Amino acid sequence: MKTINQNTLQDELIEINERLQRQDELFDLAEDNDLIEAIIYEQKALQLRYDYLIKAARQSSLNLSFIERKSLEKLI
């Protein structure tokens, strides 16, 4: 796994966490089946990237306290 700068890791984790929360909100409001499917697809892609970044953060010993606890619990 390529080493990623800790500041970059932190910034990207925060951004993806916010995007995941927005996708959750959109999912709750969506009524169209095609839109729901698109939201689920986007959520899955974001979650995979998020999981990768969490692994990279742990390997670089980045303190993850800046991430909301509920977001980290999804990984367990």
PDB file of N, CA and C in Angstrom:
ATOM      1  N   MET A   1       0.843  -1.173   0.000  1.00  0.00           N
ATOM      2  CA  MET A   1       0.000   0.000   0.000  1.00  0.00           C
ATOM      3  C   MET A   1       0.890   1.238   0.000  1.00  0.00           C
ATOM      4  N   LYS A   2       0.630   2.125  -0.914  1.00  0.00           N
ATOM      5  CA  LYS A   2       1.403   3.353  -1.039  1.00  0.00           C
ATOM      6  C   LYS A   2       1.177   4.237   0.195  1.00  0.00           C
ATOM      7  N   THR A   3       2.233   4.851   0.695  1.00  0.00           N
ATOM      8  CA  THR A   3       2.130   5.729   1.846  1.00  0.00           C
ATOM      9  C   THR A   3       1.448   7.036   1.444  1.00  0.00           C
ATOM     10  N   ILE A   4       0.458   7.443   2.226  1.00  0.00           N
ATOM     11  CA  ILE A   4      -0.267   8.682   1.981  1.00  0.00           C
ATOM     12  C   ILE A   4       0.046   9.642   3.120  1.00  0.00           C
ATOM     13  N   ASN A   5       0.286  10.892   2.794  1.00  0.00           N
ATOM     14  CA  ASN A   5       0.545  11.930   3.776  1.00  0.00           C
ATOM     15  C   ASN A   5      -0.579  11.949   4.815  1.00  0.00           C
ATOM     16  N   GLN A   6      -0.233  12.088   6.115  1.00  0.00           N
ATOM     17  CA  GLN A   6      -1.245  12.040   7.171  1.00  0.00           C
ATOM     18  C   GLN A   6      -2.265  13.176   7.060  1.00  0.00           C
ATOM     19  N   ASN A   7      -1.826  14.345   6.648  1.00  0.00           N
ATOM     20  CA  ASN A   7      -2.778  15.454   6.472  1.00  0.00           C
ATOM     21  C   ASN A   7      -3.756  15.147   5.339  1.00  0.00           C
ATOM     22  N   THR A   8      -3.242  14.577   4.270  1.00  0.00           N
ATOM     23  CA  THR A   8      -4.089  14.199   3.143  1.00  0.00           C
ATOM     24  C   THR A   8      -5.079  13.123   3.574  1.00  0.00           C
ATOM     25  N   LEU A   9      -4.605  12.150   4.324  1.00  0.00           N
ATOM     26  CA  LEU A   9      -5.472  11.086   4.842  1.00  0.00           C
ATOM     27  C   LEU A   9      -6.600  11.678   5.672  1.00  0.00           C
ATOM     28  N   GLN A  10      -6.237  12.536   6.594  1.00  0.00           N
ATOM     29  CA  GLN A  10      -7.234  13.129   7.484  1.00  0.00           C
ATOM     30  C   GLN A  10      -8.260  13.939   6.684  1.00  0.00           C
ATOM     31  N   ASP A  11      -7.787  14.757   5.767  1.00  0.00           N
ATOM     32  CA  ASP A  11      -8.695  15.575   4.960  1.00  0.00           C
ATOM     33  C   ASP A  11      -9.642  14.705   4.140  1.00  0.00           C
ATOM     34  N   GLU A  12      -9.107  13.667   3.524  1.00  0.00           N
ATOM     35  CA  GLU A  12      -9.941  12.812   2.685  1.00  0.00           C
ATOM     36  C   GLU A  12     -10.930  11.997   3.518  1.00  0.00           C
ATOM     37  N   LEU A  13     -10.507  11.538   4.689  1.00  0.00           N
ATOM     38  CA  LEU A  13     -11.424  10.804   5.563  1.00  0.00           C
ATOM     39  C   LEU A  13     -12.580  11.700   6.009  1.00  0.00           C
ATOM     40  N   ILE A  14     -12.280  12.927   6.338  1.00  0.00           N
ATOM     41  CA  ILE A  14     -13.333  13.865   6.745  1.00  0.00           C
ATOM     42  C   ILE A  14     -14.297  14.106   5.581  1.00  0.00           C
ATOM     43  N   GLU A  15     -13.733  14.337   4.397  1.00  0.00           N
ATOM     44  CA  GLU A  15     -14.568  14.592   3.217  1.00  0.00           C
ATOM     45  C   GLU A  15     -15.469  13.401   2.895  1.00  0.00           C
ATOM     46  N   ILE A  16     -14.907  12.208   2.907  1.00  0.00           N
ATOM     47  CA  ILE A  16     -15.694  11.023   2.571  1.00  0.00           C
ATOM     48  C   ILE A  16     -16.740  10.757   3.643  1.00  0.00           C
ATOM     49  N   ASN A  17     -16.389  10.983   4.893  1.00  0.00           N
ATOM     50  CA  ASN A  17     -17.354  10.821   5.978  1.00  0.00           C
ATOM     51  C   ASN A  17     -18.553  11.750   5.764  1.00  0.00           C
ATOM     52  N   GLU A  18     -18.278  13.012   5.396  1.00  0.00           N
ATOM     53  CA  GLU A  18     -19.358  13.964   5.140  1.00  0.00           C
ATOM     54  C   GLU A  18     -20.193  13.540   3.929  1.00  0.00           C
ATOM     55  N   ARG A  19     -19.530  13.053   2.885  1.00  0.00           N
ATOM     56  CA  ARG A  19     -20.251  12.600   1.691  1.00  0.00           C
ATOM     57  C   ARG A  19     -21.128  11.393   2.006  1.00  0.00           C
ATOM     58  N   LEU A  20     -20.636  10.482   2.847  1.00  0.00           N
ATOM     59  CA  LEU A  20     -21.446   9.326   3.248  1.00  0.00           C
ATOM     60  C   LEU A  20     -22.683   9.777   4.025  1.00  0.00           C
ATOM     61  N   GLN A  21     -22.509  10.757   4.889  1.00  0.00           N
ATOM     62  CA  GLN A  21     -23.660  11.261   5.644  1.00  0.00           C
ATOM     63  C   GLN A  21     -24.688  11.905   4.715  1.00  0.00           C
ATOM     64  N   ARG A  22     -24.220  12.657   3.707  1.00  0.00           N
ATOM     65  CA  ARG A  22     -25.138  13.262   2.736  1.00  0.00           C
ATOM     66  C   ARG A  22     -25.871  12.183   1.933  1.00  0.00           C
ATOM     67  N   GLN A  23     -25.155  11.112   1.575  1.00  0.00           N
ATOM     68  CA  GLN A  23     -25.791  10.022   0.835  1.00  0.00           C
ATOM     69  C   GLN A  23     -26.876   9.354   1.680  1.00  0.00           C
ATOM     70  N   ASP A  24     -26.618   9.202   2.980  1.00  0.00           N
ATOM     71  CA  ASP A  24     -27.631   8.640   3.882  1.00  0.00           C
ATOM     72  C   ASP A  24     -28.878   9.518   3.906  1.00  0.00           C
ATOM     73  N   GLU A  25     -28.666  10.832   3.955  1.00  0.00           N
ATOM     74  CA  GLU A  25     -29.795  11.763   3.959  1.00  0.00           C
ATOM     75  C   GLU A  25     -30.566  11.684   2.638  1.00  0.00           C
ATOM     76  N   LEU A  26     -29.844  11.625   1.529  1.00  0.00           N
ATOM     77  CA  LEU A  26     -30.494  11.508   0.215  1.00  0.00           C
ATOM     78  C   LEU A  26     -31.292  10.213   0.106  1.00  0.00           C
ATOM     79  N   PHE A  27     -30.718   9.137   0.619  1.00  0.00           N
ATOM     80  CA  PHE A  27     -31.392   7.843   0.571  1.00  0.00           C
ATOM     81  C   PHE A  27     -32.734   7.910   1.303  1.00  0.00           C
ATOM     82  N   ASP A  28     -32.734   8.582   2.453  1.00  0.00           N
ATOM     83  CA  ASP A  28     -33.964   8.701   3.235  1.00  0.00           C
ATOM     84  C   ASP A  28     -35.044   9.485   2.497  1.00  0.00           C
ATOM     85  N   LEU A  29     -34.645  10.393   1.612  1.00  0.00           N
ATOM     86  CA  LEU A  29     -35.598  11.236   0.897  1.00  0.00           C
ATOM     87  C   LEU A  29     -35.997  10.690  -0.479  1.00  0.00           C
ATOM     88  N   ALA A  30     -35.203   9.793  -1.018  1.00  0.00           N
ATOM     89  CA  ALA A  30     -35.416   9.312  -2.386  1.00  0.00           C
ATOM     90  C   ALA A  30     -36.652   8.421  -2.488  1.00  0.00           C
ATOM     91  N   GLU A  31     -37.359   8.606  -3.592  1.00  0.00           N
ATOM     92  CA  GLU A  31     -38.547   7.786  -3.851  1.00  0.00           C
ATOM     93  C   GLU A  31     -38.438   7.028  -5.170  1.00  0.00           C
ATOM     94  N   ASP A  32     -37.643   7.541  -6.084  1.00  0.00           N
ATOM     95  CA  ASP A  32     -37.489   6.927  -7.398  1.00  0.00           C
ATOM     96  C   ASP A  32     -36.513   5.747  -7.312  1.00  0.00           C
ATOM     97  N   ASN A  33     -36.891   4.613  -7.873  1.00  0.00           N
ATOM     98  CA  ASN A  33     -36.059   3.406  -7.792  1.00  0.00           C
ATOM     99  C   ASN A  33     -34.681   3.591  -8.423  1.00  0.00           C
ATOM    100  N   ASP A  34     -34.633   4.289  -9.557  1.00  0.00           N
ATOM    101  CA  ASP A  34     -33.341   4.519 -10.210  1.00  0.00           C
ATOM    102  C   ASP A  34     -32.440   5.393  -9.352  1.00  0.00           C
ATOM    103  N   LEU A  35     -33.020   6.404  -8.716  1.00  0.00           N
ATOM    104  CA  LEU A  35     -32.247   7.277  -7.831  1.00  0.00           C
ATOM    105  C   LEU A  35     -31.760   6.507  -6.608  1.00  0.00           C
ATOM    106  N   ILE A  36     -32.605   5.683  -6.048  1.00  0.00           N
ATOM    107  CA  ILE A  36     -32.214   4.867  -4.893  1.00  0.00           C
ATOM    108  C   ILE A  36     -31.048   3.956  -5.265  1.00  0.00           C
ATOM    109  N   GLU A  37     -31.139   3.343  -6.428  1.00  0.00           N
ATOM    110  CA  GLU A  37     -30.069   2.460  -6.893  1.00  0.00           C
ATOM    111  C   GLU A  37     -28.754   3.228  -7.073  1.00  0.00           C
ATOM    112  N   ALA A  38     -28.843   4.427  -7.633  1.00  0.00           N
ATOM    113  CA  ALA A  38     -27.649   5.257  -7.831  1.00  0.00           C
ATOM    114  C   ALA A  38     -27.033   5.659  -6.496  1.00  0.00           C
ATOM    115  N   ILE A  39     -27.862   5.981  -5.524  1.00  0.00           N
ATOM    116  CA  ILE A  39     -27.374   6.362  -4.192  1.00  0.00           C
ATOM    117  C   ILE A  39     -26.679   5.185  -3.539  1.00  0.00           C
ATOM    118  N   ILE A  40     -27.258   4.003  -3.640  1.00  0.00           N
ATOM    119  CA  ILE A  40     -26.649   2.803  -3.060  1.00  0.00           C
ATOM    120  C   ILE A  40     -25.287   2.533  -3.710  1.00  0.00           C
ATOM    121  N   TYR A  41     -25.211   2.667  -5.021  1.00  0.00           N
ATOM    122  CA  TYR A  41     -23.957   2.462  -5.752  1.00  0.00           C
ATOM    123  C   TYR A  41     -22.895   3.453  -5.272  1.00  0.00           C
ATOM    124  N   GLU A  42     -23.286   4.713  -5.141  1.00  0.00           N
ATOM    125  CA  GLU A  42     -22.358   5.745  -4.668  1.00  0.00           C
ATOM    126  C   GLU A  42     -21.915   5.468  -3.233  1.00  0.00           C
ATOM    127  N   GLN A  43     -22.850   5.063  -2.377  1.00  0.00           N
ATOM    128  CA  GLN A  43     -22.512   4.734  -0.989  1.00  0.00           C
ATOM    129  C   GLN A  43     -21.489   3.606  -0.929  1.00  0.00           C
ATOM    130  N   LYS A  44     -21.687   2.593  -1.733  1.00  0.00           N
ATOM    131  CA  LYS A  44     -20.772   1.449  -1.743  1.00  0.00           C
ATOM    132  C   LYS A  44     -19.376   1.892  -2.173  1.00  0.00           C
ATOM    133  N   ALA A  45     -19.290   2.697  -3.220  1.00  0.00           N
ATOM    134  CA  ALA A  45     -17.998   3.191  -3.697  1.00  0.00           C
ATOM    135  C   ALA A  45     -17.317   4.041  -2.626  1.00  0.00           C
ATOM    136  N   LEU A  46     -18.073   4.926  -1.991  1.00  0.00           N
ATOM    137  CA  LEU A  46     -17.502   5.767  -0.926  1.00  0.00           C
ATOM    138  C   LEU A  46     -17.044   4.915   0.250  1.00  0.00           C
ATOM    139  N   GLN A  47     -17.833   3.910   0.612  1.00  0.00           N
ATOM    140  CA  GLN A  47     -17.475   3.066   1.752  1.00  0.00           C
ATOM    141  C   GLN A  47     -16.199   2.280   1.478  1.00  0.00           C
ATOM    142  N   LEU A  48     -16.025   1.805   0.256  1.00  0.00           N
ATOM    143  CA  LEU A  48     -14.804   1.083  -0.093  1.00  0.00           C
ATOM    144  C   LEU A  48     -13.584   1.996   0.004  1.00  0.00           C
ATOM    145  N   ARG A  49     -13.706   3.228  -0.485  1.00  0.00           N
ATOM    146  CA  ARG A  49     -12.611   4.193  -0.389  1.00  0.00           C
ATOM    147  C   ARG A  49     -12.332   4.525   1.079  1.00  0.00           C
ATOM    148  N   TYR A  50     -13.384   4.711   1.842  1.00  0.00           N
ATOM    149  CA  TYR A  50     -13.276   5.014   3.273  1.00  0.00           C
ATOM    150  C   TYR A  50     -12.537   3.888   4.000  1.00  0.00           C
ATOM    151  N   ASP A  51     -12.920   2.647   3.712  1.00  0.00           N
ATOM    152  CA  ASP A  51     -12.263   1.490   4.336  1.00  0.00           C
ATOM    153  C   ASP A  51     -10.770   1.467   4.003  1.00  0.00           C
ATOM    154  N   TYR A  52     -10.438   1.737   2.744  1.00  0.00           N
ATOM    155  CA  TYR A  52      -9.033   1.789   2.327  1.00  0.00           C
ATOM    156  C   TYR A  52      -8.277   2.863   3.109  1.00  0.00           C
ATOM    157  N   LEU A  53      -8.875   4.037   3.233  1.00  0.00           N
ATOM    158  CA  LEU A  53      -8.210   5.133   3.938  1.00  0.00           C
ATOM    159  C   LEU A  53      -8.053   4.852   5.427  1.00  0.00           C
ATOM    160  N   ILE A  54      -9.041   4.201   6.022  1.00  0.00           N
ATOM    161  CA  ILE A  54      -8.933   3.825   7.446  1.00  0.00           C
ATOM    162  C   ILE A  54      -7.756   2.867   7.632  1.00  0.00           C
ATOM    163  N   LYS A  55      -7.614   1.891   6.751  1.00  0.00           N
ATOM    164  CA  LYS A  55      -6.474   0.969   6.831  1.00  0.00           C
ATOM    165  C   LYS A  55      -5.157   1.727   6.701  1.00  0.00           C
ATOM    166  N   ALA A  56      -5.100   2.645   5.747  1.00  0.00           N
ATOM    167  CA  ALA A  56      -3.883   3.440   5.549  1.00  0.00           C
ATOM    168  C   ALA A  56      -3.600   4.299   6.771  1.00  0.00           C
ATOM    169  N   ALA A  57      -4.640   4.859   7.368  1.00  0.00           N
ATOM    170  CA  ALA A  57      -4.474   5.695   8.561  1.00  0.00           C
ATOM    171  C   ALA A  57      -3.940   4.866   9.725  1.00  0.00           C
ATOM    172  N   ARG A  58      -4.466   3.680   9.886  1.00  0.00           N
ATOM    173  CA  ARG A  58      -3.992   2.816  10.981  1.00  0.00           C
ATOM    174  C   ARG A  58      -2.537   2.400  10.753  1.00  0.00           C
ATOM    175  N   GLN A  59      -2.178   2.127   9.498  1.00  0.00           N
ATOM    176  CA  GLN A  59      -0.795   1.742   9.195  1.00  0.00           C
ATOM    177  C   GLN A  59       0.172   2.884   9.447  1.00  0.00           C
ATOM    178  N   SER A  60      -0.299   4.111   9.272  1.00  0.00           N
ATOM    179  CA  SER A  60       0.577   5.261   9.503  1.00  0.00           C
ATOM    180  C   SER A  60       0.421   5.807  10.917  1.00  0.00           C
ATOM    181  N   SER A  61      -0.310   5.065  11.769  1.00  0.00           N
ATOM    182  CA  SER A  61      -0.524   5.432  13.172  1.00  0.00           C
ATOM    183  C   SER A  61      -1.209   6.793  13.328  1.00  0.00           C
ATOM    184  N   LEU A  62      -2.077   7.131  12.397  1.00  0.00           N
ATOM    185  CA  LEU A  62      -2.829   8.378  12.473  1.00  0.00           C
ATOM    186  C   LEU A  62      -3.905   8.238  13.539  1.00  0.00           C
ATOM    187  N   ASN A  63      -3.993   9.218  14.425  1.00  0.00           N
ATOM    188  CA  ASN A  63      -5.029   9.241  15.448  1.00  0.00           C
ATOM    189  C   ASN A  63      -6.367   9.481  14.763  1.00  0.00           C
ATOM    190  N   LEU A  64      -7.319   8.587  14.951  1.00  0.00           N
ATOM    191  CA  LEU A  64      -8.603   8.660  14.267  1.00  0.00           C
ATOM    192  C   LEU A  64      -9.690   9.315  15.113  1.00  0.00           C
ATOM    193  N   SER A  65      -9.302  10.005  16.176  1.00  0.00           N
ATOM    194  CA  SER A  65     -10.287  10.606  17.073  1.00  0.00           C
ATOM    195  C   SER A  65     -11.087  11.726  16.412  1.00  0.00           C
ATOM    196  N   PHE A  66     -10.620  12.256  15.299  1.00  0.00           N
ATOM    197  CA  PHE A  66     -11.335  13.325  14.603  1.00  0.00           C
ATOM    198  C   PHE A  66     -12.544  12.810  13.838  1.00  0.00           C
ATOM    199  N   ILE A  67     -12.645  11.484  13.686  1.00  0.00           N
ATOM    200  CA  ILE A  67     -13.766  10.874  12.973  1.00  0.00           C
ATOM    201  C   ILE A  67     -14.844  10.525  13.987  1.00  0.00           C
ATOM    202  N   GLU A  68     -16.091  10.789  13.603  1.00  0.00           N
ATOM    203  CA  GLU A  68     -17.188  10.468  14.500  1.00  0.00           C
ATOM    204  C   GLU A  68     -17.175   8.987  14.857  1.00  0.00           C
ATOM    205  N   ARG A  69     -17.472   8.682  16.085  1.00  0.00           N
ATOM    206  CA  ARG A  69     -17.459   7.306  16.585  1.00  0.00           C
ATOM    207  C   ARG A  69     -18.396   6.419  15.760  1.00  0.00           C
ATOM    208  N   LYS A  70     -19.590   6.905  15.400  1.00  0.00           N
ATOM    209  CA  LYS A  70     -20.541   6.050  14.662  1.00  0.00           C
ATOM    210  C   LYS A  70     -19.986   5.658  13.303  1.00  0.00           C
ATOM    211  N   SER A  71     -19.153   6.501  12.713  1.00  0.00           N
ATOM    212  CA  SER A  71     -18.549   6.171  11.427  1.00  0.00           C
ATOM    213  C   SER A  71     -17.559   5.037  11.582  1.00  0.00           C
ATOM    214  N   LEU A  72     -16.790   5.064  12.654  1.00  0.00           N
ATOM    215  CA  LEU A  72     -15.822   3.997  12.898  1.00  0.00           C
ATOM    216  C   LEU A  72     -16.512   2.696  13.255  1.00  0.00           C
ATOM    217  N   GLU A  73     -17.647   2.777  13.934  1.00  0.00           N
ATOM    218  CA  GLU A  73     -18.366   1.565  14.336  1.00  0.00           C
ATOM    219  C   GLU A  73     -18.858   0.787  13.110  1.00  0.00           C
ATOM    220  N   LYS A  74     -19.107   1.472  11.990  1.00  0.00           N
ATOM    221  CA  LYS A  74     -19.547   0.787  10.773  1.00  0.00           C
ATOM    222  C   LYS A  74     -18.478  -0.187  10.286  1.00  0.00           C
ATOM    223  N   LEU A  75     -17.236   0.073  10.647  1.00  0.00           N
ATOM    224  CA  LEU A  75     -16.143  -0.764  10.162  1.00  0.00           C
ATOM    225  C   LEU A  75     -15.975  -2.039  10.958  1.00  0.00           C
ATOM    226  N   ILE A  76     -16.588  -2.107  12.112  1.00  0.00           N
ATOM    227  CA  ILE A  76     -16.414  -3.266  12.998  1.00  0.00           C
ATOM    228  C   ILE A  76     -17.458  -4.338  12.695  1.00  0.00           C
TER     229      ILE A  76
END
